[in-house]
Amino acid sequence: PPPTQGVFQQKHCHPLMIPKGVRVRQSRDSADHPRSLGIAFALDVTGSMGVYPKVLATQELPRFMKILLDCGVEDPQLLFMAVGDATCDEAPLQVGQFESTAELMDLWLTRCYLEGHGGPGSRESYELALYFLAQHTEMDCVVRRRHKGYLFLTGDELPYDVVSRHVVDSVLGDQLDEDIPLPALVALLQESWHPFFLLPADPRRIARCERQWQDLLGDHVLRIPRPEDTCFVAAGALVGAWLLGRGPDP
């Protein structure tokens, strides 16, 4: 069933979605889910994405989990995130918890604040989501089975070239000695995550940012013809990679 009508009714960032001071989000094995697989879905909720965030939250993300289970993916645990722009947005990053059930995932979706702004330029603060996942998540699939998690980041702009130590301090409370260049951050992220960038497939967006994302992520940049196709594209990518990597990652 689709999430409740509370999705995107928040007028400000929900206190439980604020990432500042969060030490770690954990994806852990349990008796009910003995082979947990960490998955993160980070939605660009800025104005340029139009209807994508709402369609994904109300229709696609619940369907995504069902497809994974139907394809035999063992014990997926989904972390929901929302991304804006740290130069101007009240909530440039929102972070939920890893969840295994539709009911709990729905709860985090209803807490998400669709700010709908974003910066005046051609960049959004995607690097904050990448930094949080690289530095503030722990997953048993990685620790116990050397199987990386899967990140699906939707967007239609470029990331900033560096992770600013000032922005990280302001948004997350982390104290960095210096800025982190984006390629170095992606390399750190890829130690525990397979990152994918999901790009709406219209000529204007493709021309704006596809090549630069391909330079960062290679063939993990996937074009999405319509919002309704997102879960099938993401699930297809994950299932294909999961079947290839059911043993230890190289």
C-alpha atoms as a PDB file:
ATOM      1  CA  PRO A   1       0.000   0.000   0.000  1.00  0.00           C
ATOM      2  CA  PRO A   2       1.134   3.586  -0.622  1.00  0.00           C
ATOM      3  CA  PRO A   3       2.350   5.635   2.311  1.00  0.00           C
ATOM      4  CA  THR A   4      -0.117   7.687   4.281  1.00  0.00           C
ATOM      5  CA  GLN A   5      -1.257  11.170   3.285  1.00  0.00           C
ATOM      6  CA  GLY A   6       1.309  12.524   5.696  1.00  0.00           C
ATOM      7  CA  VAL A   7       4.097  12.203   3.125  1.00  0.00           C
ATOM      8  CA  PHE A   8       5.650  15.607   2.492  1.00  0.00           C
ATOM      9  CA  GLN A   9       3.243  17.399   4.822  1.00  0.00           C
ATOM     10  CA  GLN A  10       6.096  18.456   7.101  1.00  0.00           C
ATOM     11  CA  LYS A  11       6.601  22.223   7.244  1.00  0.00           C
ATOM     12  CA  HIS A  12      10.122  21.939   8.645  1.00  0.00           C
ATOM     13  CA  CYS A  13      12.737  19.231   9.023  1.00  0.00           C
ATOM     14  CA  HIS A  14      11.454  16.572  11.430  1.00  0.00           C
ATOM     15  CA  PRO A  15      13.669  16.395  14.553  1.00  0.00           C
ATOM     16  CA  LEU A  16      14.346  12.687  13.998  1.00  0.00           C
ATOM     17  CA  MET A  17      15.579  13.369  10.445  1.00  0.00           C
ATOM     18  CA  ILE A  18      18.175  15.967  11.477  1.00  0.00           C
ATOM     19  CA  PRO A  19      21.645  14.454  10.912  1.00  0.00           C
ATOM     20  CA  LYS A  20      23.600  16.785  13.172  1.00  0.00           C
ATOM     21  CA  GLY A  21      25.154  14.853  16.034  1.00  0.00           C
ATOM     22  CA  VAL A  22      24.184  11.429  14.648  1.00  0.00           C
ATOM     23  CA  ARG A  23      27.110   9.097  15.296  1.00  0.00           C
ATOM     24  CA  VAL A  24      25.990   6.164  13.192  1.00  0.00           C
ATOM     25  CA  ARG A  25      23.057   4.579  11.380  1.00  0.00           C
ATOM     26  CA  GLN A  26      23.243   0.795  11.584  1.00  0.00           C
ATOM     27  CA  SER A  27      22.083  -2.056   9.358  1.00  0.00           C
ATOM     28  CA  ARG A  28      22.344  -5.140  11.548  1.00  0.00           C
ATOM     29  CA  ASP A  29      21.549  -8.843  11.316  1.00  0.00           C
ATOM     30  CA  SER A  30      18.819 -10.201  13.575  1.00  0.00           C
ATOM     31  CA  ALA A  31      16.916 -13.420  14.156  1.00  0.00           C
ATOM     32  CA  ASP A  32      14.248 -12.283  11.688  1.00  0.00           C
ATOM     33  CA  HIS A  33      16.779 -10.866   9.209  1.00  0.00           C
ATOM     34  CA  PRO A  34      19.953 -12.940   9.508  1.00  0.00           C
ATOM     35  CA  ARG A  35      21.542 -11.722   6.245  1.00  0.00           C
ATOM     36  CA  SER A  36      20.778  -8.009   6.259  1.00  0.00           C
ATOM     37  CA  LEU A  37      21.654  -6.014   3.153  1.00  0.00           C
ATOM     38  CA  GLY A  38      22.061  -2.256   3.571  1.00  0.00           C
ATOM     39  CA  ILE A  39      20.413  -0.088   0.905  1.00  0.00           C
ATOM     40  CA  ALA A  40      20.194   3.700   0.869  1.00  0.00           C
ATOM     41  CA  PHE A  41      17.787   5.710  -1.270  1.00  0.00           C
ATOM     42  CA  ALA A  42      18.687   9.409  -1.302  1.00  0.00           C
ATOM     43  CA  LEU A  43      16.134  11.658  -2.990  1.00  0.00           C
ATOM     44  CA  ASP A  44      16.923  15.101  -4.366  1.00  0.00           C
ATOM     45  CA  VAL A  45      13.938  17.080  -3.026  1.00  0.00           C
ATOM     46  CA  THR A  46      14.837  20.425  -4.619  1.00  0.00           C
ATOM     47  CA  GLY A  47      12.486  22.279  -6.924  1.00  0.00           C
ATOM     48  CA  SER A  48      14.103  21.226 -10.195  1.00  0.00           C
ATOM     49  CA  MET A  49      13.155  17.598  -9.579  1.00  0.00           C
ATOM     50  CA  GLY A  50       9.465  18.451  -9.935  1.00  0.00           C
ATOM     51  CA  VAL A  51       7.144  15.523  -9.189  1.00  0.00           C
ATOM     52  CA  TYR A  52       9.922  12.934  -8.851  1.00  0.00           C
ATOM     53  CA  PRO A  53      10.268  13.029  -5.032  1.00  0.00           C
ATOM     54  CA  LYS A  54       6.548  12.661  -4.362  1.00  0.00           C
ATOM     55  CA  VAL A  55       6.040   9.901  -6.928  1.00  0.00           C
ATOM     56  CA  LEU A  56       9.026   8.016  -5.551  1.00  0.00           C
ATOM     57  CA  ALA A  57       7.947   8.344  -1.941  1.00  0.00           C
ATOM     58  CA  THR A  58       4.262   7.584  -2.387  1.00  0.00           C
ATOM     59  CA  GLN A  59       4.475   4.886  -5.067  1.00  0.00           C
ATOM     60  CA  GLU A  60       7.928   3.678  -5.957  1.00  0.00           C
ATOM     61  CA  LEU A  61       9.892   3.076  -2.748  1.00  0.00           C
ATOM     62  CA  PRO A  62       7.343   0.658  -1.210  1.00  0.00           C
ATOM     63  CA  ARG A  63       7.200  -1.160  -4.572  1.00  0.00           C
ATOM     64  CA  PHE A  64      11.006  -1.260  -4.701  1.00  0.00           C
ATOM     65  CA  MET A  65      11.220  -3.347  -1.537  1.00  0.00           C
ATOM     66  CA  LYS A  66       8.583  -5.787  -2.819  1.00  0.00           C
ATOM     67  CA  ILE A  67      10.465  -6.286  -6.090  1.00  0.00           C
ATOM     68  CA  LEU A  68      13.691  -7.038  -4.220  1.00  0.00           C
ATOM     69  CA  LEU A  69      11.988  -9.630  -2.026  1.00  0.00           C
ATOM     70  CA  ASP A  70      10.225 -11.199  -5.025  1.00  0.00           C
ATOM     71  CA  CYS A  71      13.624 -11.491  -6.764  1.00  0.00           C
ATOM     72  CA  GLY A  72      15.098 -13.351  -3.806  1.00  0.00           C
ATOM     73  CA  VAL A  73      17.233 -10.579  -2.313  1.00  0.00           C
ATOM     74  CA  GLU A  74      17.763 -11.599   1.287  1.00  0.00           C
ATOM     75  CA  ASP A  75      16.741  -9.266   4.104  1.00  0.00           C
ATOM     76  CA  PRO A  76      16.987  -5.820   2.447  1.00  0.00           C
ATOM     77  CA  GLN A  77      17.116  -2.911   4.902  1.00  0.00           C
ATOM     78  CA  LEU A  78      16.358   0.509   3.454  1.00  0.00           C
ATOM     79  CA  LEU A  79      17.652   3.858   4.698  1.00  0.00           C
ATOM     80  CA  PHE A  80      15.734   6.846   3.330  1.00  0.00           C
ATOM     81  CA  MET A  81      17.479  10.213   2.858  1.00  0.00           C
ATOM     82  CA  ALA A  82      16.583  13.597   1.347  1.00  0.00           C
ATOM     83  CA  VAL A  83      19.041  16.042  -0.199  1.00  0.00           C
ATOM     84  CA  GLY A  84      18.878  19.813  -0.731  1.00  0.00           C
ATOM     85  CA  ASP A  85      21.446  22.587  -0.988  1.00  0.00           C
ATOM     86  CA  ALA A  86      23.529  23.645   2.003  1.00  0.00           C
ATOM     87  CA  THR A  87      24.089  27.129   0.582  1.00  0.00           C
ATOM     88  CA  CYS A  88      20.446  28.113   0.958  1.00  0.00           C
ATOM     89  CA  ASP A  89      18.150  25.359   2.286  1.00  0.00           C
ATOM     90  CA  GLU A  90      16.962  24.916   5.856  1.00  0.00           C
ATOM     91  CA  ALA A  91      17.353  21.122   5.557  1.00  0.00           C
ATOM     92  CA  PRO A  92      20.148  20.273   3.101  1.00  0.00           C
ATOM     93  CA  LEU A  93      20.289  16.705   4.412  1.00  0.00           C
ATOM     94  CA  GLN A  94      17.646  14.554   6.103  1.00  0.00           C
ATOM     95  CA  VAL A  95      18.397  11.010   7.264  1.00  0.00           C
ATOM     96  CA  GLY A  96      16.122   8.223   8.460  1.00  0.00           C
ATOM     97  CA  GLN A  97      16.995   4.792   9.840  1.00  0.00           C
ATOM     98  CA  PHE A  98      17.598   1.430   8.167  1.00  0.00           C
ATOM     99  CA  GLU A  99      14.266  -0.413   8.160  1.00  0.00           C
ATOM    100  CA  SER A 100      13.088  -3.822   6.986  1.00  0.00           C
ATOM    101  CA  THR A 101       9.303  -3.400   6.989  1.00  0.00           C
ATOM    102  CA  ALA A 102       6.987  -1.307   4.839  1.00  0.00           C
ATOM    103  CA  GLU A 103       5.316   0.097   7.946  1.00  0.00           C
ATOM    104  CA  LEU A 104       8.518   1.499   9.423  1.00  0.00           C
ATOM    105  CA  MET A 105       9.742   2.758   6.046  1.00  0.00           C
ATOM    106  CA  ASP A 106       6.416   4.515   5.646  1.00  0.00           C
ATOM    107  CA  LEU A 107       6.939   6.179   9.006  1.00  0.00           C
ATOM    108  CA  TRP A 108      10.228   7.734   7.864  1.00  0.00           C
ATOM    109  CA  LEU A 109       8.718   8.818   4.566  1.00  0.00           C
ATOM    110  CA  THR A 110       5.975  10.697   6.390  1.00  0.00           C
ATOM    111  CA  ARG A 111       8.650  12.550   8.364  1.00  0.00           C
ATOM    112  CA  CYS A 112      10.391  13.879   5.262  1.00  0.00           C
ATOM    113  CA  TYR A 113      10.297  17.615   4.564  1.00  0.00           C
ATOM    114  CA  LEU A 114       9.917  18.449   0.864  1.00  0.00           C
ATOM    115  CA  GLU A 115      11.610  21.829   0.956  1.00  0.00           C
ATOM    116  CA  GLY A 116      11.536  22.219  -2.823  1.00  0.00           C
ATOM    117  CA  HIS A 117      14.092  25.009  -3.114  1.00  0.00           C
ATOM    118  CA  GLY A 118      17.718  24.324  -4.000  1.00  0.00           C
ATOM    119  CA  GLY A 119      20.435  26.690  -5.063  1.00  0.00           C
ATOM    120  CA  PRO A 120      20.444  29.135  -7.968  1.00  0.00           C
ATOM    121  CA  GLY A 121      23.387  27.403  -9.655  1.00  0.00           C
ATOM    122  CA  SER A 122      23.740  23.951 -11.180  1.00  0.00           C
ATOM    123  CA  ARG A 123      24.824  22.147  -7.980  1.00  0.00           C
ATOM    124  CA  GLU A 124      23.170  20.543  -4.969  1.00  0.00           C
ATOM    125  CA  SER A 125      24.686  19.124  -1.770  1.00  0.00           C
ATOM    126  CA  TYR A 126      24.782  15.488  -2.883  1.00  0.00           C
ATOM    127  CA  GLU A 127      28.249  15.211  -1.387  1.00  0.00           C
ATOM    128  CA  LEU A 128      26.738  15.557   2.108  1.00  0.00           C
ATOM    129  CA  ALA A 129      24.728  12.365   1.551  1.00  0.00           C
ATOM    130  CA  LEU A 130      27.836  10.601   0.237  1.00  0.00           C
ATOM    131  CA  TYR A 131      29.868  11.792   3.221  1.00  0.00           C
ATOM    132  CA  PHE A 132      27.232  10.680   5.748  1.00  0.00           C
ATOM    133  CA  LEU A 133      27.009   7.195   4.230  1.00  0.00           C
ATOM    134  CA  ALA A 134      30.795   6.854   4.072  1.00  0.00           C
ATOM    135  CA  GLN A 135      31.448   8.065   7.624  1.00  0.00           C
ATOM    136  CA  HIS A 136      28.272   7.501   9.639  1.00  0.00           C
ATOM    137  CA  THR A 137      26.931   4.055   8.673  1.00  0.00           C
ATOM    138  CA  GLU A 138      27.804   0.551   9.866  1.00  0.00           C
ATOM    139  CA  MET A 139      26.448  -2.518   8.048  1.00  0.00           C
ATOM    140  CA  ASP A 140      26.749  -6.170   8.949  1.00  0.00           C
ATOM    141  CA  CYS A 141      26.679  -7.081   5.263  1.00  0.00           C
ATOM    142  CA  VAL A 142      30.053  -5.324   5.004  1.00  0.00           C
ATOM    143  CA  VAL A 143      31.515  -6.265   8.382  1.00  0.00           C
ATOM    144  CA  ARG A 144      30.440  -9.915   8.435  1.00  0.00           C
ATOM    145  CA  ARG A 145      30.152 -10.844   4.745  1.00  0.00           C
ATOM    146  CA  ARG A 146      32.304  -8.298   2.900  1.00  0.00           C
ATOM    147  CA  HIS A 147      29.284  -7.487   0.744  1.00  0.00           C
ATOM    148  CA  LYS A 148      28.898  -3.783   0.081  1.00  0.00           C
ATOM    149  CA  GLY A 149      25.637  -1.908   0.466  1.00  0.00           C
ATOM    150  CA  TYR A 150      23.812  -0.206  -2.413  1.00  0.00           C
ATOM    151  CA  LEU A 151      23.176   3.518  -2.747  1.00  0.00           C
ATOM    152  CA  PHE A 152      20.660   4.992  -5.183  1.00  0.00           C
ATOM    153  CA  LEU A 153      20.874   8.779  -5.403  1.00  0.00           C
ATOM    154  CA  THR A 154      18.313  10.609  -7.547  1.00  0.00           C
ATOM    155  CA  GLY A 155      19.164  14.025  -8.923  1.00  0.00           C
ATOM    156  CA  ASP A 156      19.537  16.310 -11.909  1.00  0.00           C
ATOM    157  CA  GLU A 157      22.409  18.605 -10.926  1.00  0.00           C
ATOM    158  CA  LEU A 158      26.115  18.393 -10.157  1.00  0.00           C
ATOM    159  CA  PRO A 159      27.604  17.837  -6.714  1.00  0.00           C
ATOM    160  CA  TYR A 160      29.961  20.380  -5.217  1.00  0.00           C
ATOM    161  CA  ASP A 161      33.637  19.766  -5.990  1.00  0.00           C
ATOM    162  CA  VAL A 162      34.629  19.325  -2.345  1.00  0.00           C
ATOM    163  CA  VAL A 163      33.081  18.396   0.963  1.00  0.00           C
ATOM    164  CA  SER A 164      33.459  21.698   2.774  1.00  0.00           C
ATOM    165  CA  ARG A 165      34.705  21.333   6.338  1.00  0.00           C
ATOM    166  CA  HIS A 166      32.573  24.349   7.248  1.00  0.00           C
ATOM    167  CA  VAL A 167      29.409  22.823   5.766  1.00  0.00           C
ATOM    168  CA  VAL A 168      30.091  19.460   7.432  1.00  0.00           C
ATOM    169  CA  ASP A 169      30.516  21.216  10.761  1.00  0.00           C
ATOM    170  CA  SER A 170      27.283  23.167  10.300  1.00  0.00           C
ATOM    171  CA  VAL A 171      25.099  20.310   9.039  1.00  0.00           C
ATOM    172  CA  LEU A 172      26.602  17.254  10.766  1.00  0.00           C
ATOM    173  CA  GLY A 173      28.735  18.631  13.560  1.00  0.00           C
ATOM    174  CA  ASP A 174      31.881  16.849  12.343  1.00  0.00           C
ATOM    175  CA  GLN A 175      35.204  18.632  12.765  1.00  0.00           C
ATOM    176  CA  LEU A 176      37.405  18.174   9.696  1.00  0.00           C
ATOM    177  CA  ASP A 177      40.933  19.490   9.366  1.00  0.00           C
ATOM    178  CA  GLU A 178      40.428  20.309   5.691  1.00  0.00           C
ATOM    179  CA  ASP A 179      37.990  20.021   2.815  1.00  0.00           C
ATOM    180  CA  ILE A 180      37.693  16.617   1.130  1.00  0.00           C
ATOM    181  CA  PRO A 181      37.951  16.569  -2.688  1.00  0.00           C
ATOM    182  CA  LEU A 182      34.952  14.836  -4.242  1.00  0.00           C
ATOM    183  CA  PRO A 183      36.926  12.015  -5.967  1.00  0.00           C
ATOM    184  CA  ALA A 184      38.562  11.147  -2.631  1.00  0.00           C
ATOM    185  CA  LEU A 185      35.126  11.043  -0.968  1.00  0.00           C
ATOM    186  CA  VAL A 186      33.735   8.754  -3.685  1.00  0.00           C
ATOM    187  CA  ALA A 187      36.711   6.411  -3.239  1.00  0.00           C
ATOM    188  CA  LEU A 188      36.041   6.308   0.509  1.00  0.00           C
ATOM    189  CA  LEU A 189      32.335   5.685  -0.071  1.00  0.00           C
ATOM    190  CA  GLN A 190      33.077   2.831  -2.472  1.00  0.00           C
ATOM    191  CA  GLU A 191      34.903   0.941   0.252  1.00  0.00           C
ATOM    192  CA  SER A 192      31.509  -0.021   1.689  1.00  0.00           C
ATOM    193  CA  TRP A 193      28.906   1.049  -0.903  1.00  0.00           C
ATOM    194  CA  HIS A 194      28.041   0.518  -4.554  1.00  0.00           C
ATOM    195  CA  PRO A 195      26.781   4.027  -5.481  1.00  0.00           C
ATOM    196  CA  PHE A 196      24.354   4.609  -8.376  1.00  0.00           C
ATOM    197  CA  PHE A 197      23.119   7.974  -9.673  1.00  0.00           C
ATOM    198  CA  LEU A 198      19.582   7.964 -11.114  1.00  0.00           C
ATOM    199  CA  LEU A 199      19.099  10.768 -13.640  1.00  0.00           C
ATOM    200  CA  PRO A 200      15.776  11.813 -15.230  1.00  0.00           C
ATOM    201  CA  ALA A 201      16.280  11.061 -18.921  1.00  0.00           C
ATOM    202  CA  ASP A 202      15.492  14.292 -20.707  1.00  0.00           C
ATOM    203  CA  PRO A 203      18.049  16.018 -22.978  1.00  0.00           C
ATOM    204  CA  ARG A 204      18.410  19.119 -20.794  1.00  0.00           C
ATOM    205  CA  ARG A 205      19.252  17.195 -17.628  1.00  0.00           C
ATOM    206  CA  ILE A 206      21.487  14.739 -19.459  1.00  0.00           C
ATOM    207  CA  ALA A 207      23.474  17.568 -21.024  1.00  0.00           C
ATOM    208  CA  ARG A 208      23.731  19.358 -17.691  1.00  0.00           C
ATOM    209  CA  CYS A 209      25.336  16.684 -15.574  1.00  0.00           C
ATOM    210  CA  GLU A 210      25.501  13.140 -16.973  1.00  0.00           C
ATOM    211  CA  ARG A 211      29.120  13.247 -18.150  1.00  0.00           C
ATOM    212  CA  GLN A 212      30.439  14.595 -14.853  1.00  0.00           C
ATOM    213  CA  TRP A 213      28.605  11.917 -12.866  1.00  0.00           C
ATOM    214  CA  GLN A 214      29.938   9.272 -15.244  1.00  0.00           C
ATOM    215  CA  ASP A 215      33.445  10.555 -14.565  1.00  0.00           C
ATOM    216  CA  LEU A 216      32.787   9.913 -10.860  1.00  0.00           C
ATOM    217  CA  LEU A 217      30.757   6.685 -10.950  1.00  0.00           C
ATOM    218  CA  GLY A 218      31.405   5.125 -14.367  1.00  0.00           C
ATOM    219  CA  ASP A 219      28.524   3.028 -15.679  1.00  0.00           C
ATOM    220  CA  HIS A 220      26.596   3.404 -12.425  1.00  0.00           C
ATOM    221  CA  VAL A 221      24.797   6.465 -13.855  1.00  0.00           C
ATOM    222  CA  LEU A 222      21.350   5.269 -14.918  1.00  0.00           C
ATOM    223  CA  ARG A 223      18.805   7.195 -16.985  1.00  0.00           C
ATOM    224  CA  ILE A 224      15.217   7.139 -15.712  1.00  0.00           C
ATOM    225  CA  PRO A 225      12.641   7.656 -18.510  1.00  0.00           C
ATOM    226  CA  ARG A 226       9.754   8.434 -16.106  1.00  0.00           C
ATOM    227  CA  PRO A 227       9.408   8.702 -12.331  1.00  0.00           C
ATOM    228  CA  GLU A 228       7.336   5.509 -12.441  1.00  0.00           C
ATOM    229  CA  ASP A 229      10.321   3.604 -13.864  1.00  0.00           C
ATOM    230  CA  THR A 230      12.661   4.413 -10.978  1.00  0.00           C
ATOM    231  CA  CYS A 231      12.059   1.378  -8.788  1.00  0.00           C
ATOM    232  CA  PHE A 232      12.379  -1.043 -11.698  1.00  0.00           C
ATOM    233  CA  VAL A 233      15.647   0.500 -12.899  1.00  0.00           C
ATOM    234  CA  ALA A 234      17.095   0.582  -9.371  1.00  0.00           C
ATOM    235  CA  ALA A 235      15.890  -2.914  -8.500  1.00  0.00           C
ATOM    236  CA  GLY A 236      17.253  -4.294 -11.775  1.00  0.00           C
ATOM    237  CA  ALA A 237      20.656  -2.752 -11.088  1.00  0.00           C
ATOM    238  CA  LEU A 238      20.713  -4.019  -7.514  1.00  0.00           C
ATOM    239  CA  VAL A 239      19.542  -7.549  -8.289  1.00  0.00           C
ATOM    240  CA  GLY A 240      22.057  -7.869 -11.113  1.00  0.00           C
ATOM    241  CA  ALA A 241      24.924  -6.694  -8.922  1.00  0.00           C
ATOM    242  CA  TRP A 242      23.702  -8.747  -5.941  1.00  0.00           C
ATOM    243  CA  LEU A 243      23.578 -11.965  -7.960  1.00  0.00           C
ATOM    244  CA  LEU A 244      27.099 -11.349  -9.216  1.00  0.00           C
ATOM    245  CA  GLY A 245      28.380 -10.490  -5.754  1.00  0.00           C
ATOM    246  CA  ARG A 246      26.732 -13.000  -3.450  1.00  0.00           C
ATOM    247  CA  GLY A 247      30.207 -14.122  -2.553  1.00  0.00           C
ATOM    248  CA  PRO A 248      32.802 -11.724  -1.139  1.00  0.00           C
ATOM    249  CA  ASP A 249      33.280  -8.480  -3.042  1.00  0.00           C
ATOM    250  CA  PRO A 250      36.583  -8.317  -4.911  1.00  0.00           C
END
